[in-house]
Amino acid sequence: MSGVMPKFGPGAELDDAPGSRRIGAGIMAWVAAALSGLVLLLVTANILLGLWDRSLQVGVQHRAAFLTQTVSLGRIDDQLIIAIATKAVASHDPALDALLKRAGVSYRINHKANKAPAP
C-alpha cells in the first residue's frame, strides 16, 4: 500500500486514469442538481399517475357492480313478468292483459295443459 489517502469531499479532484480530463466540482454540482430535479419530476409523475389509476379503477368497479346488478334485476324482471302473465291467465283480468301488452309482452294459453285428463 502506498500511504497516500485518497481525497474525498469538496476539494477532491477526480482522476480516473493518467491523462484524463479533470471534472470540476462546480460541473459535478450542476449535474447532481439536474439529476435530482429529474428524479423529483419522475417521482411526482409517478404519484400523479398512481392517483389517476386509482380513480380509473374505482370507476371500473362501479361499472362492474352496475352490470352485475343489471343482470340480477333482469332475472327478477323475468320472474315478475311470468308471475303477472300467470295471474292474468288465471283471473282473466283485462287490466293485466293491457299492462302486459303495453310492456310488449305477449303470451299464449295452452288449453291442453289446463284440462284434466279424461278418466
PDB file of N, CA and C in Angstrom:
ATOM      1  N   MET A   1       0.836  -1.182   0.000  1.00  0.00           N
ATOM      2  CA  MET A   1       0.000   0.000   0.000  1.00  0.00           C
ATOM      3  C   MET A   1       0.864   1.220   0.000  1.00  0.00           C
ATOM      4  N   SER A   2       0.387   2.215  -0.648  1.00  0.00           N
ATOM      5  CA  SER A   2       1.204   3.422  -0.765  1.00  0.00           C
ATOM      6  C   SER A   2       1.018   4.350   0.412  1.00  0.00           C
ATOM      7  N   GLY A   3       0.555   4.593   1.191  1.00  0.00           N
ATOM      8  CA  GLY A   3       0.426   5.532   2.284  1.00  0.00           C
ATOM      9  C   GLY A   3      -0.306   6.805   1.917  1.00  0.00           C
ATOM     10  N   VAL A   4      -0.694   6.961   0.665  1.00  0.00           N
ATOM     11  CA  VAL A   4      -1.420   8.161   0.252  1.00  0.00           C
ATOM     12  C   VAL A   4      -2.911   7.862   0.326  1.00  0.00           C
ATOM     13  N   MET A   5      -3.585   8.687   1.079  1.00  0.00           N
ATOM     14  CA  MET A   5      -5.034   8.519   1.237  1.00  0.00           C
ATOM     15  C   MET A   5      -5.739   9.288   0.133  1.00  0.00           C
ATOM     16  N   PRO A   6      -6.743   8.688  -0.476  1.00  0.00           N
ATOM     17  CA  PRO A   6      -7.486   9.442  -1.490  1.00  0.00           C
ATOM     18  C   PRO A   6      -8.250  10.581  -0.838  1.00  0.00           C
ATOM     19  N   LYS A   7      -8.382  11.654  -1.553  1.00  0.00           N
ATOM     20  CA  LYS A   7      -9.030  12.838  -1.013  1.00  0.00           C
ATOM     21  C   LYS A   7     -10.504  12.828  -1.426  1.00  0.00           C
ATOM     22  N   PHE A   8     -11.402  12.948  -0.444  1.00  0.00           N
ATOM     23  CA  PHE A   8     -12.829  12.998  -0.687  1.00  0.00           C
ATOM     24  C   PHE A   8     -13.354  14.348  -0.258  1.00  0.00           C
ATOM     25  N   GLY A   9     -14.496  14.747  -0.798  1.00  0.00           N
ATOM     26  CA  GLY A   9     -15.122  15.979  -0.351  1.00  0.00           C
ATOM     27  C   GLY A   9     -15.072  17.055  -1.409  1.00  0.00           C
ATOM     28  N   PRO A  10     -15.373  18.314  -1.023  1.00  0.00           N
ATOM     29  CA  PRO A  10     -15.497  19.404  -1.981  1.00  0.00           C
ATOM     30  C   PRO A  10     -14.215  19.710  -2.738  1.00  0.00           C
ATOM     31  N   GLY A  11     -13.061  19.535  -2.142  1.00  0.00           N
ATOM     32  CA  GLY A  11     -11.815  19.879  -2.822  1.00  0.00           C
ATOM     33  C   GLY A  11     -11.199  18.722  -3.570  1.00  0.00           C
ATOM     34  N   ALA A  12     -11.858  17.575  -3.639  1.00  0.00           N
ATOM     35  CA  ALA A  12     -11.294  16.383  -4.261  1.00  0.00           C
ATOM     36  C   ALA A  12     -11.252  16.537  -5.775  1.00  0.00           C
ATOM     37  N   GLU A  13     -10.229  16.017  -6.363  1.00  0.00           N
ATOM     38  CA  GLU A  13     -10.107  16.018  -7.808  1.00  0.00           C
ATOM     39  C   GLU A  13     -10.427  14.618  -8.307  1.00  0.00           C
ATOM     40  N   LEU A  14     -11.150  14.551  -9.391  1.00  0.00           N
ATOM     41  CA  LEU A  14     -11.491  13.257  -9.946  1.00  0.00           C
ATOM     42  C   LEU A  14     -10.507  12.947 -11.058  1.00  0.00           C
ATOM     43  N   ASP A  15      -9.824  11.855 -10.895  1.00  0.00           N
ATOM     44  CA  ASP A  15      -8.836  11.458 -11.886  1.00  0.00           C
ATOM     45  C   ASP A  15      -8.954   9.951 -12.071  1.00  0.00           C
ATOM     46  N   ASP A  16      -9.624   9.537 -13.154  1.00  0.00           N
ATOM     47  CA  ASP A  16      -9.838   8.114 -13.370  1.00  0.00           C
ATOM     48  C   ASP A  16      -8.595   7.424 -13.918  1.00  0.00           C
ATOM     49  N   ALA A  17      -7.912   8.084 -14.789  1.00  0.00           N
ATOM     50  CA  ALA A  17      -6.727   7.476 -15.397  1.00  0.00           C
ATOM     51  C   ALA A  17      -5.730   8.576 -15.708  1.00  0.00           C
ATOM     52  N   PRO A  18      -4.474   8.221 -15.837  1.00  0.00           N
ATOM     53  CA  PRO A  18      -3.492   9.262 -16.173  1.00  0.00           C
ATOM     54  C   PRO A  18      -3.825   9.898 -17.524  1.00  0.00           C
ATOM     55  N   GLY A  19      -3.798  11.196 -17.572  1.00  0.00           N
ATOM     56  CA  GLY A  19      -4.053  11.947 -18.787  1.00  0.00           C
ATOM     57  C   GLY A  19      -5.531  12.227 -19.023  1.00  0.00           C
ATOM     58  N   SER A  20      -6.431  11.799 -18.115  1.00  0.00           N
ATOM     59  CA  SER A  20      -7.854  12.048 -18.323  1.00  0.00           C
ATOM     60  C   SER A  20      -8.185  13.474 -17.925  1.00  0.00           C
ATOM     61  N   ARG A  21      -9.322  13.958 -18.393  1.00  0.00           N
ATOM     62  CA  ARG A  21      -9.734  15.319 -18.051  1.00  0.00           C
ATOM     63  C   ARG A  21     -10.217  15.361 -16.614  1.00  0.00           C
ATOM     64  N   ARG A  22      -9.993  16.463 -15.998  1.00  0.00           N
ATOM     65  CA  ARG A  22     -10.448  16.633 -14.621  1.00  0.00           C
ATOM     66  C   ARG A  22     -11.755  17.403 -14.650  1.00  0.00           C
ATOM     67  N   ILE A  23     -12.750  16.848 -13.984  1.00  0.00           N
ATOM     68  CA  ILE A  23     -14.059  17.476 -13.947  1.00  0.00           C
ATOM     69  C   ILE A  23     -14.133  18.316 -12.689  1.00  0.00           C
ATOM     70  N   GLY A  24     -14.517  19.560 -12.868  1.00  0.00           N
ATOM     71  CA  GLY A  24     -14.576  20.462 -11.725  1.00  0.00           C
ATOM     72  C   GLY A  24     -15.755  20.161 -10.819  1.00  0.00           C
ATOM     73  N   ALA A  25     -15.632  20.588  -9.581  1.00  0.00           N
ATOM     74  CA  ALA A  25     -16.679  20.354  -8.592  1.00  0.00           C
ATOM     75  C   ALA A  25     -17.946  21.117  -8.956  1.00  0.00           C
ATOM     76  N   GLY A  26     -17.827  22.267  -9.608  1.00  0.00           N
ATOM     77  CA  GLY A  26     -18.999  23.045  -9.996  1.00  0.00           C
ATOM     78  C   GLY A  26     -19.861  22.323 -11.021  1.00  0.00           C
ATOM     79  N   ILE A  27     -19.187  21.706 -11.985  1.00  0.00           N
ATOM     80  CA  ILE A  27     -19.928  20.963 -13.005  1.00  0.00           C
ATOM     81  C   ILE A  27     -20.601  19.755 -12.375  1.00  0.00           C
ATOM     82  N   MET A  28     -19.897  19.084 -11.492  1.00  0.00           N
ATOM     83  CA  MET A  28     -20.490  17.923 -10.814  1.00  0.00           C
ATOM     84  C   MET A  28     -21.694  18.349  -9.986  1.00  0.00           C
ATOM     85  N   ALA A  29     -21.657  19.520  -9.376  1.00  0.00           N
ATOM     86  CA  ALA A  29     -22.793  20.008  -8.596  1.00  0.00           C
ATOM     87  C   ALA A  29     -23.991  20.259  -9.500  1.00  0.00           C
ATOM     88  N   TRP A  30     -23.735  20.846 -10.687  1.00  0.00           N
ATOM     89  CA  TRP A  30     -24.835  21.091 -11.628  1.00  0.00           C
ATOM     90  C   TRP A  30     -25.425  19.777 -12.140  1.00  0.00           C
ATOM     91  N   VAL A  31     -24.587  18.816 -12.418  1.00  0.00           N
ATOM     92  CA  VAL A  31     -25.072  17.511 -12.878  1.00  0.00           C
ATOM     93  C   VAL A  31     -25.894  16.845 -11.781  1.00  0.00           C
ATOM     94  N   ALA A  32     -25.410  16.904 -10.560  1.00  0.00           N
ATOM     95  CA  ALA A  32     -26.140  16.311  -9.433  1.00  0.00           C
ATOM     96  C   ALA A  32     -27.479  17.020  -9.232  1.00  0.00           C
ATOM     97  N   ALA A  33     -27.493  18.351  -9.338  1.00  0.00           N
ATOM     98  CA  ALA A  33     -28.747  19.102  -9.187  1.00  0.00           C
ATOM     99  C   ALA A  33     -29.729  18.754 -10.315  1.00  0.00           C
ATOM    100  N   ALA A  34     -29.233  18.620 -11.535  1.00  0.00           N
ATOM    101  CA  ALA A  34     -30.100  18.272 -12.656  1.00  0.00           C
ATOM    102  C   ALA A  34     -30.674  16.873 -12.482  1.00  0.00           C
ATOM    103  N   LEU A  35     -29.842  15.942 -12.061  1.00  0.00           N
ATOM    104  CA  LEU A  35     -30.329  14.580 -11.843  1.00  0.00           C
ATOM    105  C   LEU A  35     -31.334  14.516 -10.695  1.00  0.00           C
ATOM    106  N   SER A  36     -31.079  15.259  -9.630  1.00  0.00           N
ATOM    107  CA  SER A  36     -32.035  15.247  -8.519  1.00  0.00           C
ATOM    108  C   SER A  36     -33.354  15.900  -8.935  1.00  0.00           C
ATOM    109  N   GLY A  37     -33.289  16.929  -9.761  1.00  0.00           N
ATOM    110  CA  GLY A  37     -34.517  17.531 -10.281  1.00  0.00           C
ATOM    111  C   GLY A  37     -35.290  16.560 -11.158  1.00  0.00           C
ATOM    112  N   LEU A  38     -34.561  15.811 -11.975  1.00  0.00           N
ATOM    113  CA  LEU A  38     -35.202  14.800 -12.820  1.00  0.00           C
ATOM    114  C   LEU A  38     -35.851  13.713 -11.977  1.00  0.00           C
ATOM    115  N   VAL A  39     -35.177  13.286 -10.926  1.00  0.00           N
ATOM    116  CA  VAL A  39     -35.743  12.277 -10.030  1.00  0.00           C
ATOM    117  C   VAL A  39     -37.005  12.815  -9.354  1.00  0.00           C
ATOM    118  N   LEU A  40     -36.965  14.051  -8.909  1.00  0.00           N
ATOM    119  CA  LEU A  40     -38.133  14.662  -8.274  1.00  0.00           C
ATOM    120  C   LEU A  40     -39.300  14.747  -9.250  1.00  0.00           C
ATOM    121  N   LEU A  41     -39.021  15.103 -10.483  1.00  0.00           N
ATOM    122  CA  LEU A  41     -40.056  15.167 -11.513  1.00  0.00           C
ATOM    123  C   LEU A  41     -40.659  13.788 -11.778  1.00  0.00           C
ATOM    124  N   LEU A  42     -39.818  12.773 -11.854  1.00  0.00           N
ATOM    125  CA  LEU A  42     -40.308  11.408 -12.096  1.00  0.00           C
ATOM    126  C   LEU A  42     -41.130  10.881 -10.922  1.00  0.00           C
ATOM    127  N   VAL A  43     -40.726  11.181  -9.711  1.00  0.00           N
ATOM    128  CA  VAL A  43     -41.488  10.752  -8.529  1.00  0.00           C
ATOM    129  C   VAL A  43     -42.852  11.428  -8.519  1.00  0.00           C
ATOM    130  N   THR A  44     -42.894  12.723  -8.824  1.00  0.00           N
ATOM    131  CA  THR A  44     -44.170  13.448  -8.878  1.00  0.00           C
ATOM    132  C   THR A  44     -45.076  12.870  -9.958  1.00  0.00           C
ATOM    133  N   ALA A  45     -44.505  12.576 -11.121  1.00  0.00           N
ATOM    134  CA  ALA A  45     -45.295  11.985 -12.197  1.00  0.00           C
ATOM    135  C   ALA A  45     -45.822  10.615 -11.791  1.00  0.00           C
ATOM    136  N   ASN A  46     -45.021   9.841 -11.090  1.00  0.00           N
ATOM    137  CA  ASN A  46     -45.452   8.522 -10.625  1.00  0.00           C
ATOM    138  C   ASN A  46     -46.613   8.639  -9.634  1.00  0.00           C
ATOM    139  N   ILE A  47     -46.552   9.593  -8.731  1.00  0.00           N
ATOM    140  CA  ILE A  47     -47.633   9.797  -7.759  1.00  0.00           C
ATOM    141  C   ILE A  47     -48.912  10.202  -8.476  1.00  0.00           C
ATOM    142  N   LEU A  48     -48.811  11.136  -9.412  1.00  0.00           N
ATOM    143  CA  LEU A  48     -49.997  11.586 -10.144  1.00  0.00           C
ATOM    144  C   LEU A  48     -50.605  10.464 -10.981  1.00  0.00           C
ATOM    145  N   LEU A  49     -49.765   9.671 -11.627  1.00  0.00           N
ATOM    146  CA  LEU A  49     -50.278   8.541 -12.409  1.00  0.00           C
ATOM    147  C   LEU A  49     -50.921   7.492 -11.509  1.00  0.00           C
ATOM    148  N   GLY A  50     -50.371   7.297 -10.316  1.00  0.00           N
ATOM    149  CA  GLY A  50     -50.972   6.363  -9.364  1.00  0.00           C
ATOM    150  C   GLY A  50     -52.346   6.826  -8.913  1.00  0.00           C
ATOM    151  N   LEU A  51     -52.490   8.125  -8.640  1.00  0.00           N
ATOM    152  CA  LEU A  51     -53.792   8.661  -8.248  1.00  0.00           C
ATOM    153  C   LEU A  51     -54.794   8.560  -9.389  1.00  0.00           C
ATOM    154  N   TRP A  52     -54.346   8.833 -10.602  1.00  0.00           N
ATOM    155  CA  TRP A  52     -55.220   8.752 -11.766  1.00  0.00           C
ATOM    156  C   TRP A  52     -55.664   7.304 -11.987  1.00  0.00           C
ATOM    157  N   ASP A  53     -54.726   6.374 -11.834  1.00  0.00           N
ATOM    158  CA  ASP A  53     -55.044   4.957 -11.991  1.00  0.00           C
ATOM    159  C   ASP A  53     -56.054   4.510 -10.938  1.00  0.00           C
ATOM    160  N   ARG A  54     -55.904   4.991  -9.726  1.00  0.00           N
ATOM    161  CA  ARG A  54     -56.836   4.622  -8.650  1.00  0.00           C
ATOM    162  C   ARG A  54     -58.244   5.107  -8.990  1.00  0.00           C
ATOM    163  N   SER A  55     -58.372   6.333  -9.505  1.00  0.00           N
ATOM    164  CA  SER A  55     -59.700   6.848  -9.844  1.00  0.00           C
ATOM    165  C   SER A  55     -60.306   6.061 -11.007  1.00  0.00           C
ATOM    166  N   LEU A  56     -59.487   5.636 -11.962  1.00  0.00           N
ATOM    167  CA  LEU A  56     -59.988   4.808 -13.056  1.00  0.00           C
ATOM    168  C   LEU A  56     -60.450   3.454 -12.540  1.00  0.00           C
ATOM    169  N   GLN A  57     -59.720   2.872 -11.599  1.00  0.00           N
ATOM    170  CA  GLN A  57     -60.107   1.583 -11.034  1.00  0.00           C
ATOM    171  C   GLN A  57     -61.436   1.681 -10.303  1.00  0.00           C
ATOM    172  N   VAL A  58     -61.652   2.775  -9.575  1.00  0.00           N
ATOM    173  CA  VAL A  58     -62.919   2.965  -8.868  1.00  0.00           C
ATOM    174  C   VAL A  58     -64.066   3.059  -9.872  1.00  0.00           C
ATOM    175  N   GLY A  59     -63.859   3.783 -10.960  1.00  0.00           N
ATOM    176  CA  GLY A  59     -64.889   3.891 -11.986  1.00  0.00           C
ATOM    177  C   GLY A  59     -65.216   2.552 -12.617  1.00  0.00           C
ATOM    178  N   VAL A  60     -64.197   1.745 -12.884  1.00  0.00           N
ATOM    179  CA  VAL A  60     -64.415   0.424 -13.471  1.00  0.00           C
ATOM    180  C   VAL A  60     -65.146  -0.475 -12.483  1.00  0.00           C
ATOM    181  N   GLN A  61     -64.818  -0.384 -11.208  1.00  0.00           N
ATOM    182  CA  GLN A  61     -65.506  -1.191 -10.196  1.00  0.00           C
ATOM    183  C   GLN A  61     -66.975  -0.809 -10.101  1.00  0.00           C
ATOM    184  N   HIS A  62     -67.278   0.488 -10.200  1.00  0.00           N
ATOM    185  CA  HIS A  62     -68.680   0.921 -10.168  1.00  0.00           C
ATOM    186  C   HIS A  62     -69.443   0.389 -11.381  1.00  0.00           C
ATOM    187  N   ARG A  63     -68.814   0.427 -12.550  1.00  0.00           N
ATOM    188  CA  ARG A  63     -69.474  -0.091 -13.750  1.00  0.00           C
ATOM    189  C   ARG A  63     -69.696  -1.603 -13.656  1.00  0.00           C
ATOM    190  N   ALA A  64     -68.727  -2.316 -13.114  1.00  0.00           N
ATOM    191  CA  ALA A  64     -68.867  -3.768 -12.961  1.00  0.00           C
ATOM    192  C   ALA A  64     -70.000  -4.096 -11.998  1.00  0.00           C
ATOM    193  N   ALA A  65     -70.103  -3.339 -10.900  1.00  0.00           N
ATOM    194  CA  ALA A  65     -71.202  -3.551  -9.951  1.00  0.00           C
ATOM    195  C   ALA A  65     -72.544  -3.253 -10.610  1.00  0.00           C
ATOM    196  N   PHE A  66     -72.602  -2.203 -11.422  1.00  0.00           N
ATOM    197  CA  PHE A  66     -73.837  -1.862 -12.124  1.00  0.00           C
ATOM    198  C   PHE A  66     -74.254  -2.994 -13.068  1.00  0.00           C
ATOM    199  N   LEU A  67     -73.288  -3.549 -13.813  1.00  0.00           N
ATOM    200  CA  LEU A  67     -73.608  -4.643 -14.729  1.00  0.00           C
ATOM    201  C   LEU A  67     -74.089  -5.881 -13.979  1.00  0.00           C
ATOM    202  N   THR A  68     -73.469  -6.178 -12.857  1.00  0.00           N
ATOM    203  CA  THR A  68     -73.891  -7.326 -12.058  1.00  0.00           C
ATOM    204  C   THR A  68     -75.308  -7.129 -11.548  1.00  0.00           C
ATOM    205  N   GLN A  69     -75.611  -5.924 -11.079  1.00  0.00           N
ATOM    206  CA  GLN A  69     -76.959  -5.634 -10.593  1.00  0.00           C
ATOM    207  C   GLN A  69     -77.971  -5.686 -11.735  1.00  0.00           C
ATOM    208  N   THR A  70     -77.577  -5.236 -12.912  1.00  0.00           N
ATOM    209  CA  THR A  70     -78.485  -5.257 -14.059  1.00  0.00           C
ATOM    210  C   THR A  70     -78.861  -6.687 -14.429  1.00  0.00           C
ATOM    211  N   VAL A  71     -77.896  -7.591 -14.389  1.00  0.00           N
ATOM    212  CA  VAL A  71     -78.171  -8.987 -14.710  1.00  0.00           C
ATOM    213  C   VAL A  71     -79.125  -9.577 -13.680  1.00  0.00           C
ATOM    214  N   SER A  72     -78.878  -9.323 -12.401  1.00  0.00           N
ATOM    215  CA  SER A  72     -79.760  -9.883 -11.373  1.00  0.00           C
ATOM    216  C   SER A  72     -81.149  -9.249 -11.438  1.00  0.00           C
ATOM    217  N   LEU A  73     -81.230  -7.962 -11.751  1.00  0.00           N
ATOM    218  CA  LEU A  73     -82.542  -7.323 -11.903  1.00  0.00           C
ATOM    219  C   LEU A  73     -83.269  -7.849 -13.135  1.00  0.00           C
ATOM    220  N   GLY A  74     -82.540  -8.203 -14.177  1.00  0.00           N
ATOM    221  CA  GLY A  74     -83.153  -8.798 -15.358  1.00  0.00           C
ATOM    222  C   GLY A  74     -83.812 -10.127 -15.028  1.00  0.00           C
ATOM    223  N   ARG A  75     -83.163 -10.916 -14.175  1.00  0.00           N
ATOM    224  CA  ARG A  75     -83.747 -12.195 -13.761  1.00  0.00           C
ATOM    225  C   ARG A  75     -85.019 -11.964 -12.950  1.00  0.00           C
ATOM    226  N   ILE A  76     -84.967 -11.005 -12.054  1.00  0.00           N
ATOM    227  CA  ILE A  76     -86.154 -10.680 -11.250  1.00  0.00           C
ATOM    228  C   ILE A  76     -87.265 -10.160 -12.150  1.00  0.00           C
ATOM    229  N   ASP A  77     -86.904  -9.357 -13.136  1.00  0.00           N
ATOM    230  CA  ASP A  77     -87.881  -8.813 -14.080  1.00  0.00           C
ATOM    231  C   ASP A  77     -88.576  -9.941 -14.843  1.00  0.00           C
ATOM    232  N   ASP A  78     -87.802 -10.922 -15.287  1.00  0.00           N
ATOM    233  CA  ASP A  78     -88.387 -12.066 -15.997  1.00  0.00           C
ATOM    234  C   ASP A  78     -89.360 -12.823 -15.098  1.00  0.00           C
ATOM    235  N   GLN A  79     -88.976 -13.033 -13.855  1.00  0.00           N
ATOM    236  CA  GLN A  79     -89.851 -13.752 -12.925  1.00  0.00           C
ATOM    237  C   GLN A  79     -91.128 -12.964 -12.652  1.00  0.00           C
ATOM    238  N   LEU A  80     -91.001 -11.662 -12.557  1.00  0.00           N
ATOM    239  CA  LEU A  80     -92.164 -10.807 -12.322  1.00  0.00           C
ATOM    240  C   LEU A  80     -93.126 -10.854 -13.515  1.00  0.00           C
ATOM    241  N   ILE A  81     -92.595 -10.804 -14.719  1.00  0.00           N
ATOM    242  CA  ILE A  81     -93.441 -10.866 -15.920  1.00  0.00           C
ATOM    243  C   ILE A  81     -94.164 -12.209 -15.990  1.00  0.00           C
ATOM    244  N   ILE A  82     -93.459 -13.297 -15.671  1.00  0.00           N
ATOM    245  CA  ILE A  82     -94.095 -14.619 -15.686  1.00  0.00           C
ATOM    246  C   ILE A  82     -95.210 -14.687 -14.652  1.00  0.00           C
ATOM    247  N   ALA A  83     -94.956 -14.117 -13.468  1.00  0.00           N
ATOM    248  CA  ALA A  83     -95.990 -14.129 -12.422  1.00  0.00           C
ATOM    249  C   ALA A  83     -97.210 -13.308 -12.842  1.00  0.00           C
ATOM    250  N   ILE A  84     -96.999 -12.153 -13.448  1.00  0.00           N
ATOM    251  CA  ILE A  84     -98.131 -11.311 -13.887  1.00  0.00           C
ATOM    252  C   ILE A  84     -98.889 -12.007 -15.009  1.00  0.00           C
ATOM    253  N   ALA A  85     -98.173 -12.628 -15.956  1.00  0.00           N
ATOM    254  CA  ALA A  85     -98.839 -13.339 -17.049  1.00  0.00           C
ATOM    255  C   ALA A  85     -99.641 -14.523 -16.509  1.00  0.00           C
ATOM    256  N   THR A  86     -99.090 -15.244 -15.554  1.00  0.00           N
ATOM    257  CA  THR A  86     -99.811 -16.370 -14.946  1.00  0.00           C
ATOM    258  C   THR A  86    -101.075 -15.891 -14.257  1.00  0.00           C
ATOM    259  N   LYS A  87    -100.961 -14.785 -13.533  1.00  0.00           N
ATOM    260  CA  LYS A  87    -102.128 -14.212 -12.847  1.00  0.00           C
ATOM    261  C   LYS A  87    -103.159 -13.714 -13.860  1.00  0.00           C
ATOM    262  N   ALA A  88    -102.706 -13.110 -14.965  1.00  0.00           N
ATOM    263  CA  ALA A  88    -103.625 -12.620 -15.996  1.00  0.00           C
ATOM    264  C   ALA A  88    -104.396 -13.770 -16.627  1.00  0.00           C
ATOM    265  N   VAL A  89    -103.735 -14.895 -16.856  1.00  0.00           N
ATOM    266  CA  VAL A  89    -104.394 -16.053 -17.449  1.00  0.00           C
ATOM    267  C   VAL A  89    -105.376 -16.667 -16.450  1.00  0.00           C
ATOM    268  N   ALA A  90    -104.940 -16.777 -15.201  1.00  0.00           N
ATOM    269  CA  ALA A  90    -105.787 -17.432 -14.197  1.00  0.00           C
ATOM    270  C   ALA A  90    -107.021 -16.600 -13.874  1.00  0.00           C
ATOM    271  N   SER A  91    -106.892 -15.294 -13.841  1.00  0.00           N
ATOM    272  CA  SER A  91    -108.018 -14.448 -13.421  1.00  0.00           C
ATOM    273  C   SER A  91    -108.778 -13.828 -14.593  1.00  0.00           C
ATOM    274  N   HIS A  92    -108.266 -14.001 -15.798  1.00  0.00           N
ATOM    275  CA  HIS A  92    -108.881 -13.383 -16.991  1.00  0.00           C
ATOM    276  C   HIS A  92    -109.076 -11.887 -16.784  1.00  0.00           C
ATOM    277  N   ASP A  93    -108.042 -11.238 -16.245  1.00  0.00           N
ATOM    278  CA  ASP A  93    -108.105  -9.803 -15.925  1.00  0.00           C
ATOM    279  C   ASP A  93    -107.681  -8.997 -17.150  1.00  0.00           C
ATOM    280  N   PRO A  94    -108.584  -8.178 -17.719  1.00  0.00           N
ATOM    281  CA  PRO A  94    -108.215  -7.386 -18.903  1.00  0.00           C
ATOM    282  C   PRO A  94    -107.212  -6.281 -18.573  1.00  0.00           C
ATOM    283  N   ALA A  95    -107.179  -5.808 -17.324  1.00  0.00           N
ATOM    284  CA  ALA A  95    -106.210  -4.764 -16.945  1.00  0.00           C
ATOM    285  C   ALA A  95    -104.789  -5.322 -16.979  1.00  0.00           C
ATOM    286  N   LEU A  96    -104.612  -6.557 -16.500  1.00  0.00           N
ATOM    287  CA  LEU A  96    -103.281  -7.179 -16.555  1.00  0.00           C
ATOM    288  C   LEU A  96    -102.888  -7.489 -18.000  1.00  0.00           C
ATOM    289  N   ASP A  97    -103.873  -7.919 -18.812  1.00  0.00           N
ATOM    290  CA  ASP A  97    -103.599  -8.143 -20.229  1.00  0.00           C
ATOM    291  C   ASP A  97    -103.115  -6.856 -20.898  1.00  0.00           C
ATOM    292  N   ALA A  98    -103.783  -5.744 -20.612  1.00  0.00           N
ATOM    293  CA  ALA A  98    -103.406  -4.459 -21.203  1.00  0.00           C
ATOM    294  C   ALA A  98    -102.017  -4.037 -20.720  1.00  0.00           C
ATOM    295  N   LEU A  99    -101.740  -4.266 -19.444  1.00  0.00           N
ATOM    296  CA  LEU A  99    -100.429  -3.915 -18.883  1.00  0.00           C
ATOM    297  C   LEU A  99     -99.316  -4.694 -19.585  1.00  0.00           C
ATOM    298  N   LEU A 100     -99.530  -5.969 -19.765  1.00  0.00           N
ATOM    299  CA  LEU A 100     -98.520  -6.794 -20.438  1.00  0.00           C
ATOM    300  C   LEU A 100     -98.351  -6.394 -21.902  1.00  0.00           C
ATOM    301  N   LYS A 101     -99.444  -6.073 -22.580  1.00  0.00           N
ATOM    302  CA  LYS A 101     -99.357  -5.662 -23.989  1.00  0.00           C
ATOM    303  C   LYS A 101     -98.609  -4.336 -24.129  1.00  0.00           C
ATOM    304  N   ARG A 102     -98.841  -3.400 -23.195  1.00  0.00           N
ATOM    305  CA  ARG A 102     -98.122  -2.113 -23.229  1.00  0.00           C
ATOM    306  C   ARG A 102     -96.624  -2.323 -23.028  1.00  0.00           C
ATOM    307  N   ALA A 103     -96.273  -3.342 -22.239  1.00  0.00           N
ATOM    308  CA  ALA A 103     -94.853  -3.631 -21.990  1.00  0.00           C
ATOM    309  C   ALA A 103     -94.242  -4.459 -23.113  1.00  0.00           C
ATOM    310  N   GLY A 104     -95.065  -4.859 -24.090  1.00  0.00           N
ATOM    311  CA  GLY A 104     -94.543  -5.629 -25.212  1.00  0.00           C
ATOM    312  C   GLY A 104     -94.461  -7.114 -24.933  1.00  0.00           C
ATOM    313  N   VAL A 105     -95.191  -7.579 -23.924  1.00  0.00           N
ATOM    314  CA  VAL A 105     -95.159  -8.988 -23.566  1.00  0.00           C
ATOM    315  C   VAL A 105     -96.387  -9.659 -24.163  1.00  0.00           C
ATOM    316  N   SER A 106     -96.157 -10.718 -24.897  1.00  0.00           N
ATOM    317  CA  SER A 106     -97.282 -11.497 -25.416  1.00  0.00           C
ATOM    318  C   SER A 106     -97.169 -12.906 -24.853  1.00  0.00           C
ATOM    319  N   TYR A 107     -98.287 -13.533 -24.662  1.00  0.00           N
ATOM    320  CA  TYR A 107     -98.280 -14.883 -24.117  1.00  0.00           C
ATOM    321  C   TYR A 107     -99.358 -15.687 -24.805  1.00  0.00           C
ATOM    322  N   ARG A 108     -99.273 -16.988 -24.642  1.00  0.00           N
ATOM    323  CA  ARG A 108    -100.181 -17.912 -25.267  1.00  0.00           C
ATOM    324  C   ARG A 108    -100.727 -18.834 -24.194  1.00  0.00           C
ATOM    325  N   ILE A 109    -101.995 -19.135 -24.273  1.00  0.00           N
ATOM    326  CA  ILE A 109    -102.611 -20.026 -23.303  1.00  0.00           C
ATOM    327  C   ILE A 109    -102.611 -21.422 -23.904  1.00  0.00           C
ATOM    328  N   ASN A 110    -102.058 -22.340 -23.165  1.00  0.00           N
ATOM    329  CA  ASN A 110    -102.028 -23.731 -23.593  1.00  0.00           C
ATOM    330  C   ASN A 110    -103.237 -24.421 -22.970  1.00  0.00           C
ATOM    331  N   HIS A 111    -104.292 -24.625 -23.740  1.00  0.00           N
ATOM    332  CA  HIS A 111    -105.537 -25.186 -23.222  1.00  0.00           C
ATOM    333  C   HIS A 111    -105.387 -26.657 -22.874  1.00  0.00           C
ATOM    334  N   LYS A 112    -104.501 -27.365 -23.526  1.00  0.00           N
ATOM    335  CA  LYS A 112    -104.319 -28.788 -23.243  1.00  0.00           C
ATOM    336  C   LYS A 112    -103.784 -29.001 -21.842  1.00  0.00           C
ATOM    337  N   ALA A 113    -102.933 -28.102 -21.373  1.00  0.00           N
ATOM    338  CA  ALA A 113    -102.358 -28.254 -20.038  1.00  0.00           C
ATOM    339  C   ALA A 113    -103.371 -27.919 -18.969  1.00  0.00           C
ATOM    340  N   ASN A 114    -104.381 -27.093 -19.278  1.00  0.00           N
ATOM    341  CA  ASN A 114    -105.359 -26.684 -18.285  1.00  0.00           C
ATOM    342  C   ASN A 114    -106.446 -27.734 -18.078  1.00  0.00           C
ATOM    343  N   LYS A 115    -106.692 -28.580 -19.043  1.00  0.00           N
ATOM    344  CA  LYS A 115    -107.748 -29.576 -18.942  1.00  0.00           C
ATOM    345  C   LYS A 115    -107.251 -30.789 -18.161  1.00  0.00           C
ATOM    346  N   ALA A 116    -108.133 -31.337 -17.391  1.00  0.00           N
ATOM    347  CA  ALA A 116    -107.801 -32.548 -16.651  1.00  0.00           C
ATOM    348  C   ALA A 116    -107.923 -33.745 -17.584  1.00  0.00           C
ATOM    349  N   PRO A 117    -107.104 -34.734 -17.389  1.00  0.00           N
ATOM    350  CA  PRO A 117    -107.176 -35.899 -18.258  1.00  0.00           C
ATOM    351  C   PRO A 117    -108.507 -36.645 -18.054  1.00  0.00           C
ATOM    352  N   ALA A 118    -109.008 -37.195 -19.133  1.00  0.00           N
ATOM    353  CA  ALA A 118    -110.271 -37.931 -19.054  1.00  0.00           C
ATOM    354  C   ALA A 118    -110.050 -39.273 -18.368  1.00  0.00           C
ATOM    355  N   PRO A 119    -111.041 -39.667 -17.534  1.00  0.00           N
ATOM    356  CA  PRO A 119    -110.863 -40.947 -16.815  1.00  0.00           C
ATOM    357  C   PRO A 119    -111.055 -42.137 -17.703  1.00  0.00           C
TER     358      PRO A 119
END
